[in-house]
Amino acid sequence: MLLPKAMAEDHKGCWTWNQLQCCGFPLARFWDTTGDGHLNNNYINLQGLKFADRICVDSNSLTMALIKENIAWTFTRPTTVLQNRHLMKDVVVSPMPDPVLTRRV
């Protein structure tokens, strides 16, 4: 997961899905029509998660900018971090709560 510094500072320890659903920051996620959005949306639905506050995005760089500015959080692939290394000093990487989203290649 990628979290804004303000969100991470307010919480010590590992997050739970229940805490993330009402953390005060919206989830930044890809549009449902994209491959990433479809994968994440299926995961969210299978886990029965409900995020009242969501921001739909269409690029990794926009997601990272929202997180950097303390506006949103997300769970994403490691490639998002690699593509946006220049923003990582302002973003906190945190483990995803169980059950973790995985994909076999």
PDB file of N, CA and C in Angstrom:
ATOM      1  N   MET A   1       0.845  -1.169   0.000  1.00  0.00           N
ATOM      2  CA  MET A   1       0.000   0.000   0.000  1.00  0.00           C
ATOM      3  C   MET A   1       0.890   1.231   0.000  1.00  0.00           C
ATOM      4  N   LEU A   2       0.381   2.288  -0.584  1.00  0.00           N
ATOM      5  CA  LEU A   2       1.061   3.579  -0.573  1.00  0.00           C
ATOM      6  C   LEU A   2       0.164   4.560   0.162  1.00  0.00           C
ATOM      7  N   LEU A   3       0.742   5.186   1.176  1.00  0.00           N
ATOM      8  CA  LEU A   3      -0.023   6.067   2.047  1.00  0.00           C
ATOM      9  C   LEU A   3       0.581   7.462   2.072  1.00  0.00           C
ATOM     10  N   PRO A   4      -0.262   8.478   2.240  1.00  0.00           N
ATOM     11  CA  PRO A   4       0.287   9.813   2.454  1.00  0.00           C
ATOM     12  C   PRO A   4       0.929   9.875   3.838  1.00  0.00           C
ATOM     13  N   LYS A   5       1.934  10.706   3.982  1.00  0.00           N
ATOM     14  CA  LYS A   5       2.626  10.809   5.264  1.00  0.00           C
ATOM     15  C   LYS A   5       1.671  11.156   6.402  1.00  0.00           C
ATOM     16  N   ALA A   6       0.716  12.053   6.157  1.00  0.00           N
ATOM     17  CA  ALA A   6      -0.223  12.462   7.203  1.00  0.00           C
ATOM     18  C   ALA A   6      -1.053  11.274   7.687  1.00  0.00           C
ATOM     19  N   MET A   7      -1.425  10.394   6.796  1.00  0.00           N
ATOM     20  CA  MET A   7      -2.212   9.216   7.165  1.00  0.00           C
ATOM     21  C   MET A   7      -1.359   8.233   7.971  1.00  0.00           C
ATOM     22  N   ALA A   8      -0.138   8.030   7.548  1.00  0.00           N
ATOM     23  CA  ALA A   8       0.758   7.088   8.227  1.00  0.00           C
ATOM     24  C   ALA A   8       1.162   7.593   9.605  1.00  0.00           C
ATOM     25  N   GLU A   9       1.321   8.890   9.744  1.00  0.00           N
ATOM     26  CA  GLU A   9       1.726   9.460  11.033  1.00  0.00           C
ATOM     27  C   GLU A   9       0.643   9.294  12.093  1.00  0.00           C
ATOM     28  N   ASP A  10      -0.611   9.271  11.670  1.00  0.00           N
ATOM     29  CA  ASP A  10      -1.729   9.146  12.605  1.00  0.00           C
ATOM     30  C   ASP A  10      -1.970   7.712  13.056  1.00  0.00           C
ATOM     31  N   HIS A  11      -1.267   6.757  12.464  1.00  0.00           N
ATOM     32  CA  HIS A  11      -1.528   5.349  12.756  1.00  0.00           C
ATOM     33  C   HIS A  11      -0.210   4.599  12.898  1.00  0.00           C
ATOM     34  N   LYS A  12      -0.044   3.949  13.999  1.00  0.00           N
ATOM     35  CA  LYS A  12       1.153   3.134  14.208  1.00  0.00           C
ATOM     36  C   LYS A  12       0.758   1.664  14.103  1.00  0.00           C
ATOM     37  N   GLY A  13       1.628   0.867  13.533  1.00  0.00           N
ATOM     38  CA  GLY A  13       1.347  -0.559  13.387  1.00  0.00           C
ATOM     39  C   GLY A  13       0.715  -0.874  12.041  1.00  0.00           C
ATOM     40  N   CYS A  14       0.296  -2.106  11.894  1.00  0.00           N
ATOM     41  CA  CYS A  14      -0.303  -2.561  10.637  1.00  0.00           C
ATOM     42  C   CYS A  14      -1.769  -2.150  10.558  1.00  0.00           C
ATOM     43  N   TRP A  15      -2.186  -1.800   9.367  1.00  0.00           N
ATOM     44  CA  TRP A  15      -3.576  -1.430   9.115  1.00  0.00           C
ATOM     45  C   TRP A  15      -4.428  -2.682   8.947  1.00  0.00           C
ATOM     46  N   THR A  16      -5.713  -2.548   9.238  1.00  0.00           N
ATOM     47  CA  THR A  16      -6.697  -3.582   8.903  1.00  0.00           C
ATOM     48  C   THR A  16      -7.619  -2.996   7.840  1.00  0.00           C
ATOM     49  N   TRP A  17      -8.328  -3.867   7.130  1.00  0.00           N
ATOM     50  CA  TRP A  17      -9.272  -3.365   6.114  1.00  0.00           C
ATOM     51  C   TRP A  17     -10.365  -2.531   6.774  1.00  0.00           C
ATOM     52  N   ASN A  18     -10.810  -2.910   7.961  1.00  0.00           N
ATOM     53  CA  ASN A  18     -11.837  -2.124   8.655  1.00  0.00           C
ATOM     54  C   ASN A  18     -11.338  -0.710   8.944  1.00  0.00           C
ATOM     55  N   GLN A  19     -10.092  -0.585   9.380  1.00  0.00           N
ATOM     56  CA  GLN A  19      -9.528   0.738   9.640  1.00  0.00           C
ATOM     57  C   GLN A  19      -9.400   1.552   8.363  1.00  0.00           C
ATOM     58  N   LEU A  20      -8.997   0.903   7.279  1.00  0.00           N
ATOM     59  CA  LEU A  20      -8.823   1.620   6.010  1.00  0.00           C
ATOM     60  C   LEU A  20     -10.152   2.104   5.433  1.00  0.00           C
ATOM     61  N   GLN A  21     -11.224   1.373   5.703  1.00  0.00           N
ATOM     62  CA  GLN A  21     -12.529   1.766   5.177  1.00  0.00           C
ATOM     63  C   GLN A  21     -13.025   3.075   5.791  1.00  0.00           C
ATOM     64  N   CYS A  22     -12.511   3.418   6.963  1.00  0.00           N
ATOM     65  CA  CYS A  22     -12.964   4.660   7.615  1.00  0.00           C
ATOM     66  C   CYS A  22     -11.777   5.480   8.126  1.00  0.00           C
ATOM     67  N   CYS A  23     -10.712   5.519   7.343  1.00  0.00           N
ATOM     68  CA  CYS A  23      -9.469   6.177   7.770  1.00  0.00           C
ATOM     69  C   CYS A  23      -9.478   7.692   7.581  1.00  0.00           C
ATOM     70  N   GLY A  24     -10.465   8.230   6.873  1.00  0.00           N
ATOM     71  CA  GLY A  24     -10.513   9.665   6.654  1.00  0.00           C
ATOM     72  C   GLY A  24      -9.842  10.121   5.365  1.00  0.00           C
ATOM     73  N   PHE A  25      -9.220   9.179   4.643  1.00  0.00           N
ATOM     74  CA  PHE A  25      -8.600   9.475   3.354  1.00  0.00           C
ATOM     75  C   PHE A  25      -9.278   8.615   2.295  1.00  0.00           C
ATOM     76  N   PRO A  26      -9.571   9.170   1.125  1.00  0.00           N
ATOM     77  CA  PRO A  26     -10.184   8.354   0.078  1.00  0.00           C
ATOM     78  C   PRO A  26      -9.185   7.392  -0.562  1.00  0.00           C
ATOM     79  N   LEU A  27      -9.706   6.297  -1.068  1.00  0.00           N
ATOM     80  CA  LEU A  27      -8.925   5.325  -1.823  1.00  0.00           C
ATOM     81  C   LEU A  27      -8.804   5.821  -3.260  1.00  0.00           C
ATOM     82  N   ALA A  28      -7.588   5.954  -3.755  1.00  0.00           N
ATOM     83  CA  ALA A  28      -7.365   6.281  -5.167  1.00  0.00           C
ATOM     84  C   ALA A  28      -7.266   4.955  -5.911  1.00  0.00           C
ATOM     85  N   ARG A  29      -8.149   4.757  -6.872  1.00  0.00           N
ATOM     86  CA  ARG A  29      -8.143   3.504  -7.618  1.00  0.00           C
ATOM     87  C   ARG A  29      -8.380   3.787  -9.091  1.00  0.00           C
ATOM     88  N   PHE A  30      -7.981   2.813  -9.925  1.00  0.00           N
ATOM     89  CA  PHE A  30      -8.150   2.970 -11.362  1.00  0.00           C
ATOM     90  C   PHE A  30      -9.612   2.774 -11.761  1.00  0.00           C
ATOM     91  N   TRP A  31      -9.991   3.401 -12.869  1.00  0.00           N
ATOM     92  CA  TRP A  31     -11.329   3.221 -13.427  1.00  0.00           C
ATOM     93  C   TRP A  31     -11.590   1.731 -13.632  1.00  0.00           C
ATOM     94  N   ASP A  32     -12.833   1.328 -13.463  1.00  0.00           N
ATOM     95  CA  ASP A  32     -13.216  -0.079 -13.609  1.00  0.00           C
ATOM     96  C   ASP A  32     -12.938  -0.626 -15.006  1.00  0.00           C
ATOM     97  N   THR A  33     -12.900   0.232 -15.998  1.00  0.00           N
ATOM     98  CA  THR A  33     -12.723  -0.218 -17.379  1.00  0.00           C
ATOM     99  C   THR A  33     -11.277  -0.525 -17.733  1.00  0.00           C
ATOM    100  N   THR A  34     -10.338  -0.207 -16.842  1.00  0.00           N
ATOM    101  CA  THR A  34      -8.933  -0.520 -17.101  1.00  0.00           C
ATOM    102  C   THR A  34      -8.603  -1.891 -16.523  1.00  0.00           C
ATOM    103  N   GLY A  35      -7.517  -2.485 -16.974  1.00  0.00           N
ATOM    104  CA  GLY A  35      -7.097  -3.784 -16.455  1.00  0.00           C
ATOM    105  C   GLY A  35      -6.818  -3.738 -14.968  1.00  0.00           C
ATOM    106  N   ASP A  36      -6.071  -2.717 -14.517  1.00  0.00           N
ATOM    107  CA  ASP A  36      -5.780  -2.569 -13.094  1.00  0.00           C
ATOM    108  C   ASP A  36      -7.058  -2.329 -12.298  1.00  0.00           C
ATOM    109  N   GLY A  37      -7.923  -1.503 -12.822  1.00  0.00           N
ATOM    110  CA  GLY A  37      -9.179  -1.209 -12.139  1.00  0.00           C
ATOM    111  C   GLY A  37     -10.051  -2.439 -12.003  1.00  0.00           C
ATOM    112  N   HIS A  38     -10.100  -3.235 -13.059  1.00  0.00           N
ATOM    113  CA  HIS A  38     -10.900  -4.462 -13.033  1.00  0.00           C
ATOM    114  C   HIS A  38     -10.359  -5.431 -11.983  1.00  0.00           C
ATOM    115  N   LEU A  39      -9.049  -5.619 -11.957  1.00  0.00           N
ATOM    116  CA  LEU A  39      -8.412  -6.513 -10.993  1.00  0.00           C
ATOM    117  C   LEU A  39      -8.665  -6.040  -9.559  1.00  0.00           C
ATOM    118  N   ASN A  40      -8.430  -4.757  -9.290  1.00  0.00           N
ATOM    119  CA  ASN A  40      -8.625  -4.221  -7.941  1.00  0.00           C
ATOM    120  C   ASN A  40     -10.094  -4.243  -7.534  1.00  0.00           C
ATOM    121  N   ASN A  41     -10.981  -3.910  -8.459  1.00  0.00           N
ATOM    122  CA  ASN A  41     -12.402  -3.895  -8.158  1.00  0.00           C
ATOM    123  C   ASN A  41     -12.897  -5.300  -7.827  1.00  0.00           C
ATOM    124  N   ASN A  42     -12.436  -6.295  -8.564  1.00  0.00           N
ATOM    125  CA  ASN A  42     -12.804  -7.683  -8.257  1.00  0.00           C
ATOM    126  C   ASN A  42     -12.330  -8.063  -6.861  1.00  0.00           C
ATOM    127  N   TYR A  43     -11.111  -7.685  -6.525  1.00  0.00           N
ATOM    128  CA  TYR A  43     -10.571  -7.978  -5.204  1.00  0.00           C
ATOM    129  C   TYR A  43     -11.422  -7.317  -4.121  1.00  0.00           C
ATOM    130  N   ILE A  44     -11.717  -6.039  -4.281  1.00  0.00           N
ATOM    131  CA  ILE A  44     -12.524  -5.299  -3.303  1.00  0.00           C
ATOM    132  C   ILE A  44     -13.885  -5.963  -3.124  1.00  0.00           C
ATOM    133  N   ASN A  45     -14.515  -6.322  -4.226  1.00  0.00           N
ATOM    134  CA  ASN A  45     -15.837  -6.956  -4.156  1.00  0.00           C
ATOM    135  C   ASN A  45     -15.777  -8.335  -3.515  1.00  0.00           C
ATOM    136  N   LEU A  46     -14.766  -9.140  -3.863  1.00  0.00           N
ATOM    137  CA  LEU A  46     -14.635 -10.479  -3.281  1.00  0.00           C
ATOM    138  C   LEU A  46     -14.413 -10.430  -1.769  1.00  0.00           C
ATOM    139  N   GLN A  47     -13.750  -9.388  -1.303  1.00  0.00           N
ATOM    140  CA  GLN A  47     -13.483  -9.246   0.128  1.00  0.00           C
ATOM    141  C   GLN A  47     -14.641  -8.568   0.862  1.00  0.00           C
ATOM    142  N   GLY A  48     -15.634  -8.087   0.109  1.00  0.00           N
ATOM    143  CA  GLY A  48     -16.776  -7.416   0.731  1.00  0.00           C
ATOM    144  C   GLY A  48     -16.427  -6.060   1.312  1.00  0.00           C
ATOM    145  N   LEU A  49     -15.421  -5.418   0.742  1.00  0.00           N
ATOM    146  CA  LEU A  49     -14.980  -4.117   1.234  1.00  0.00           C
ATOM    147  C   LEU A  49     -15.810  -3.001   0.626  1.00  0.00           C
ATOM    148  N   LYS A  50     -16.092  -1.991   1.420  1.00  0.00           N
ATOM    149  CA  LYS A  50     -16.826  -0.815   0.965  1.00  0.00           C
ATOM    150  C   LYS A  50     -16.033   0.424   1.345  1.00  0.00           C
ATOM    151  N   PHE A  51     -15.619   1.167   0.355  1.00  0.00           N
ATOM    152  CA  PHE A  51     -14.900   2.412   0.590  1.00  0.00           C
ATOM    153  C   PHE A  51     -15.812   3.562   0.200  1.00  0.00           C
ATOM    154  N   ALA A  52     -16.289   4.293   1.197  1.00  0.00           N
ATOM    155  CA  ALA A  52     -17.223   5.390   0.944  1.00  0.00           C
ATOM    156  C   ALA A  52     -16.573   6.474   0.097  1.00  0.00           C
ATOM    157  N   ASP A  53     -15.319   6.743   0.390  1.00  0.00           N
ATOM    158  CA  ASP A  53     -14.604   7.795  -0.333  1.00  0.00           C
ATOM    159  C   ASP A  53     -13.628   7.163  -1.299  1.00  0.00           C
ATOM    160  N   ARG A  54     -13.853   7.413  -2.611  1.00  0.00           N
ATOM    161  CA  ARG A  54     -12.964   6.882  -3.646  1.00  0.00           C
ATOM    162  C   ARG A  54     -12.701   7.966  -4.675  1.00  0.00           C
ATOM    163  N   ILE A  55     -11.513   7.922  -5.203  1.00  0.00           N
ATOM    164  CA  ILE A  55     -11.143   8.794  -6.314  1.00  0.00           C
ATOM    165  C   ILE A  55     -10.712   7.873  -7.440  1.00  0.00           C
ATOM    166  N   CYS A  56     -11.333   7.998  -8.591  1.00  0.00           N
ATOM    167  CA  CYS A  56     -10.949   7.178  -9.741  1.00  0.00           C
ATOM    168  C   CYS A  56      -9.896   7.923 -10.548  1.00  0.00           C
ATOM    169  N   VAL A  57      -8.822   7.222 -10.869  1.00  0.00           N
ATOM    170  CA  VAL A  57      -7.700   7.811 -11.592  1.00  0.00           C
ATOM    171  C   VAL A  57      -7.424   7.010 -12.856  1.00  0.00           C
ATOM    172  N   ASP A  58      -6.589   7.568 -13.702  1.00  0.00           N
ATOM    173  CA  ASP A  58      -6.266   6.868 -14.949  1.00  0.00           C
ATOM    174  C   ASP A  58      -4.767   6.742 -15.186  1.00  0.00           C
ATOM    175  N   SER A  59      -3.951   7.060 -14.154  1.00  0.00           N
ATOM    176  CA  SER A  59      -2.510   6.902 -14.322  1.00  0.00           C
ATOM    177  C   SER A  59      -1.830   6.734 -12.966  1.00  0.00           C
ATOM    178  N   ASN A  60      -0.701   6.027 -12.982  1.00  0.00           N
ATOM    179  CA  ASN A  60       0.084   5.849 -11.761  1.00  0.00           C
ATOM    180  C   ASN A  60       0.634   7.171 -11.256  1.00  0.00           C
ATOM    181  N   SER A  61       1.036   8.044 -12.163  1.00  0.00           N
ATOM    182  CA  SER A  61       1.623   9.319 -11.727  1.00  0.00           C
ATOM    183  C   SER A  61       0.583  10.205 -11.040  1.00  0.00           C
ATOM    184  N   LEU A  62      -0.651  10.182 -11.503  1.00  0.00           N
ATOM    185  CA  LEU A  62      -1.709  10.941 -10.833  1.00  0.00           C
ATOM    186  C   LEU A  62      -1.976  10.365  -9.447  1.00  0.00           C
ATOM    187  N   THR A  63      -2.009   9.052  -9.339  1.00  0.00           N
ATOM    188  CA  THR A  63      -2.192   8.403  -8.042  1.00  0.00           C
ATOM    189  C   THR A  63      -1.096   8.835  -7.075  1.00  0.00           C
ATOM    190  N   MET A  64       0.146   8.782  -7.529  1.00  0.00           N
ATOM    191  CA  MET A  64       1.269   9.165  -6.681  1.00  0.00           C
ATOM    192  C   MET A  64       1.195  10.644  -6.283  1.00  0.00           C
ATOM    193  N   ALA A  65       0.785  11.493  -7.189  1.00  0.00           N
ATOM    194  CA  ALA A  65       0.664  12.921  -6.872  1.00  0.00           C
ATOM    195  C   ALA A  65      -0.390  13.144  -5.787  1.00  0.00           C
ATOM    196  N   LEU A  66      -1.508  12.432  -5.859  1.00  0.00           N
ATOM    197  CA  LEU A  66      -2.554  12.553  -4.841  1.00  0.00           C
ATOM    198  C   LEU A  66      -2.050  12.094  -3.475  1.00  0.00           C
ATOM    199  N   ILE A  67      -1.276  11.029  -3.462  1.00  0.00           N
ATOM    200  CA  ILE A  67      -0.727  10.520  -2.209  1.00  0.00           C
ATOM    201  C   ILE A  67       0.315  11.494  -1.654  1.00  0.00           C
ATOM    202  N   LYS A  68       1.185  11.977  -2.517  1.00  0.00           N
ATOM    203  CA  LYS A  68       2.222  12.932  -2.111  1.00  0.00           C
ATOM    204  C   LYS A  68       1.612  14.173  -1.464  1.00  0.00           C
ATOM    205  N   GLU A  69       0.470  14.602  -1.970  1.00  0.00           N
ATOM    206  CA  GLU A  69      -0.185  15.809  -1.463  1.00  0.00           C
ATOM    207  C   GLU A  69      -1.127  15.526  -0.284  1.00  0.00           C
ATOM    208  N   ASN A  70      -1.053  14.316   0.287  1.00  0.00           N
ATOM    209  CA  ASN A  70      -1.883  13.939   1.435  1.00  0.00           C
ATOM    210  C   ASN A  70      -3.377  13.979   1.125  1.00  0.00           C
ATOM    211  N   ILE A  71      -3.735  13.543  -0.073  1.00  0.00           N
ATOM    212  CA  ILE A  71      -5.130  13.567  -0.495  1.00  0.00           C
ATOM    213  C   ILE A  71      -5.757  12.184  -0.501  1.00  0.00           C
ATOM    214  N   ALA A  72      -4.987  11.134  -0.832  1.00  0.00           N
ATOM    215  CA  ALA A  72      -5.553   9.794  -0.987  1.00  0.00           C
ATOM    216  C   ALA A  72      -4.500   8.741  -0.654  1.00  0.00           C
ATOM    217  N   TRP A  73      -4.921   7.495  -0.624  1.00  0.00           N
ATOM    218  CA  TRP A  73      -4.035   6.340  -0.439  1.00  0.00           C
ATOM    219  C   TRP A  73      -4.422   5.302  -1.491  1.00  0.00           C
ATOM    220  N   THR A  74      -3.596   4.257  -1.642  1.00  0.00           N
ATOM    221  CA  THR A  74      -3.917   3.216  -2.618  1.00  0.00           C
ATOM    222  C   THR A  74      -3.190   1.921  -2.284  1.00  0.00           C
ATOM    223  N   PHE A  75      -3.628   0.847  -2.902  1.00  0.00           N
ATOM    224  CA  PHE A  75      -2.820  -0.368  -2.962  1.00  0.00           C
ATOM    225  C   PHE A  75      -2.547  -0.584  -4.438  1.00  0.00           C
ATOM    226  N   THR A  76      -1.310  -0.938  -4.743  1.00  0.00           N
ATOM    227  CA  THR A  76      -0.883  -0.958  -6.140  1.00  0.00           C
ATOM    228  C   THR A  76       0.260  -1.932  -6.335  1.00  0.00           C
ATOM    229  N   ARG A  77       0.698  -2.028  -7.565  1.00  0.00           N
ATOM    230  CA  ARG A  77       1.814  -2.920  -7.918  1.00  0.00           C
ATOM    231  C   ARG A  77       3.154  -2.229  -7.654  1.00  0.00           C
ATOM    232  N   PRO A  78       4.205  -3.034  -7.478  1.00  0.00           N
ATOM    233  CA  PRO A  78       5.542  -2.449  -7.272  1.00  0.00           C
ATOM    234  C   PRO A  78       6.002  -1.569  -8.433  1.00  0.00           C
ATOM    235  N   THR A  79       5.504  -1.811  -9.627  1.00  0.00           N
ATOM    236  CA  THR A  79       5.924  -0.994 -10.768  1.00  0.00           C
ATOM    237  C   THR A  79       5.512   0.470 -10.608  1.00  0.00           C
ATOM    238  N   THR A  80       4.449   0.727  -9.863  1.00  0.00           N
ATOM    239  CA  THR A  80       4.046   2.114  -9.611  1.00  0.00           C
ATOM    240  C   THR A  80       5.147   2.846  -8.858  1.00  0.00           C
ATOM    241  N   VAL A  81       5.739   2.168  -7.884  1.00  0.00           N
ATOM    242  CA  VAL A  81       6.842   2.755  -7.125  1.00  0.00           C
ATOM    243  C   VAL A  81       8.043   2.971  -8.035  1.00  0.00           C
ATOM    244  N   LEU A  82       8.378   1.975  -8.834  1.00  0.00           N
ATOM    245  CA  LEU A  82       9.529   2.094  -9.729  1.00  0.00           C
ATOM    246  C   LEU A  82       9.370   3.234 -10.725  1.00  0.00           C
ATOM    247  N   GLN A  83       8.167   3.434 -11.221  1.00  0.00           N
ATOM    248  CA  GLN A  83       7.920   4.490 -12.203  1.00  0.00           C
ATOM    249  C   GLN A  83       7.932   5.882 -11.579  1.00  0.00           C
ATOM    250  N   ASN A  84       7.761   5.946 -10.272  1.00  0.00           N
ATOM    251  CA  ASN A  84       7.628   7.251  -9.607  1.00  0.00           C
ATOM    252  C   ASN A  84       8.583   7.392  -8.427  1.00  0.00           C
ATOM    253  N   ARG A  85       9.791   6.874  -8.581  1.00  0.00           N
ATOM    254  CA  ARG A  85      10.781   6.923  -7.497  1.00  0.00           C
ATOM    255  C   ARG A  85      11.013   8.342  -6.989  1.00  0.00           C
ATOM    256  N   HIS A  86      10.919   9.326  -7.865  1.00  0.00           N
ATOM    257  CA  HIS A  86      11.177  10.712  -7.479  1.00  0.00           C
ATOM    258  C   HIS A  86      10.163  11.248  -6.462  1.00  0.00           C
ATOM    259  N   LEU A  87       9.020  10.584  -6.298  1.00  0.00           N
ATOM    260  CA  LEU A  87       8.001  11.026  -5.347  1.00  0.00           C
ATOM    261  C   LEU A  87       8.033  10.239  -4.034  1.00  0.00           C
ATOM    262  N   MET A  88       8.863   9.223  -3.958  1.00  0.00           N
ATOM    263  CA  MET A  88       8.811   8.301  -2.826  1.00  0.00           C
ATOM    264  C   MET A  88       9.240   8.917  -1.496  1.00  0.00           C
ATOM    265  N   LYS A  89       9.986   9.999  -1.511  1.00  0.00           N
ATOM    266  CA  LYS A  89      10.375  10.616  -0.236  1.00  0.00           C
ATOM    267  C   LYS A  89       9.159  11.196   0.485  1.00  0.00           C
ATOM    268  N   ASP A  90       8.059  11.404  -0.238  1.00  0.00           N
ATOM    269  CA  ASP A  90       6.842  11.967   0.340  1.00  0.00           C
ATOM    270  C   ASP A  90       5.723  10.938   0.482  1.00  0.00           C
ATOM    271  N   VAL A  91       6.036   9.657   0.292  1.00  0.00           N
ATOM    272  CA  VAL A  91       5.034   8.586   0.318  1.00  0.00           C
ATOM    273  C   VAL A  91       5.519   7.487   1.255  1.00  0.00           C
ATOM    274  N   VAL A  92       4.596   6.889   1.994  1.00  0.00           N
ATOM    275  CA  VAL A  92       4.930   5.796   2.914  1.00  0.00           C
ATOM    276  C   VAL A  92       4.460   4.478   2.299  1.00  0.00           C
ATOM    277  N   VAL A  93       5.354   3.499   2.265  1.00  0.00           N
ATOM    278  CA  VAL A  93       5.005   2.156   1.800  1.00  0.00           C
ATOM    279  C   VAL A  93       4.669   1.332   3.028  1.00  0.00           C
ATOM    280  N   SER A  94       3.521   0.683   2.987  1.00  0.00           N
ATOM    281  CA  SER A  94       3.055  -0.111   4.118  1.00  0.00           C
ATOM    282  C   SER A  94       2.547  -1.456   3.607  1.00  0.00           C
ATOM    283  N   PRO A  95       2.680  -2.522   4.405  1.00  0.00           N
ATOM    284  CA  PRO A  95       2.166  -3.808   3.952  1.00  0.00           C
ATOM    285  C   PRO A  95       0.643  -3.788   3.830  1.00  0.00           C
ATOM    286  N   MET A  96       0.154  -4.503   2.863  1.00  0.00           N
ATOM    287  CA  MET A  96      -1.285  -4.633   2.647  1.00  0.00           C
ATOM    288  C   MET A  96      -1.855  -5.588   3.695  1.00  0.00           C
ATOM    289  N   PRO A  97      -3.035  -5.285   4.251  1.00  0.00           N
ATOM    290  CA  PRO A  97      -3.644  -6.216   5.203  1.00  0.00           C
ATOM    291  C   PRO A  97      -3.999  -7.535   4.532  1.00  0.00           C
ATOM    292  N   ASP A  98      -4.025  -8.592   5.328  1.00  0.00           N
ATOM    293  CA  ASP A  98      -4.490  -9.875   4.813  1.00  0.00           C
ATOM    294  C   ASP A  98      -5.991  -9.833   4.579  1.00  0.00           C
ATOM    295  N   PRO A  99      -6.488 -10.548   3.619  1.00  0.00           N
ATOM    296  CA  PRO A  99      -5.741 -11.299   2.626  1.00  0.00           C
ATOM    297  C   PRO A  99      -5.144 -10.372   1.568  1.00  0.00           C
ATOM    298  N   VAL A 100      -3.919 -10.667   1.198  1.00  0.00           N
ATOM    299  CA  VAL A 100      -3.176  -9.828   0.258  1.00  0.00           C
ATOM    300  C   VAL A 100      -3.600 -10.147  -1.168  1.00  0.00           C
ATOM    301  N   LEU A 101      -3.721  -9.118  -1.982  1.00  0.00           N
ATOM    302  CA  LEU A 101      -4.011  -9.281  -3.403  1.00  0.00           C
ATOM    303  C   LEU A 101      -2.767  -9.786  -4.112  1.00  0.00           C
ATOM    304  N   THR A 102      -2.878 -10.895  -4.795  1.00  0.00           N
ATOM    305  CA  THR A 102      -1.752 -11.435  -5.556  1.00  0.00           C
ATOM    306  C   THR A 102      -2.229 -11.811  -6.943  1.00  0.00           C
ATOM    307  N   ARG A 103      -1.273 -11.920  -7.824  1.00  0.00           N
ATOM    308  CA  ARG A 103      -1.559 -12.322  -9.201  1.00  0.00           C
ATOM    309  C   ARG A 103      -0.415 -13.179  -9.691  1.00  0.00           C
ATOM    310  N   ARG A 104      -0.722 -14.340 -10.192  1.00  0.00           N
ATOM    311  CA  ARG A 104       0.308 -15.225 -10.733  1.00  0.00           C
ATOM    312  C   ARG A 104       0.559 -14.888 -12.193  1.00  0.00           C
ATOM    313  N   VAL A 105       1.814 -14.861 -12.565  1.00  0.00           N
ATOM    314  CA  VAL A 105       2.191 -14.566 -13.942  1.00  0.00           C
ATOM    315  C   VAL A 105       2.796 -15.807 -14.538  1.00  0.00           C
TER     316      VAL A 105
END
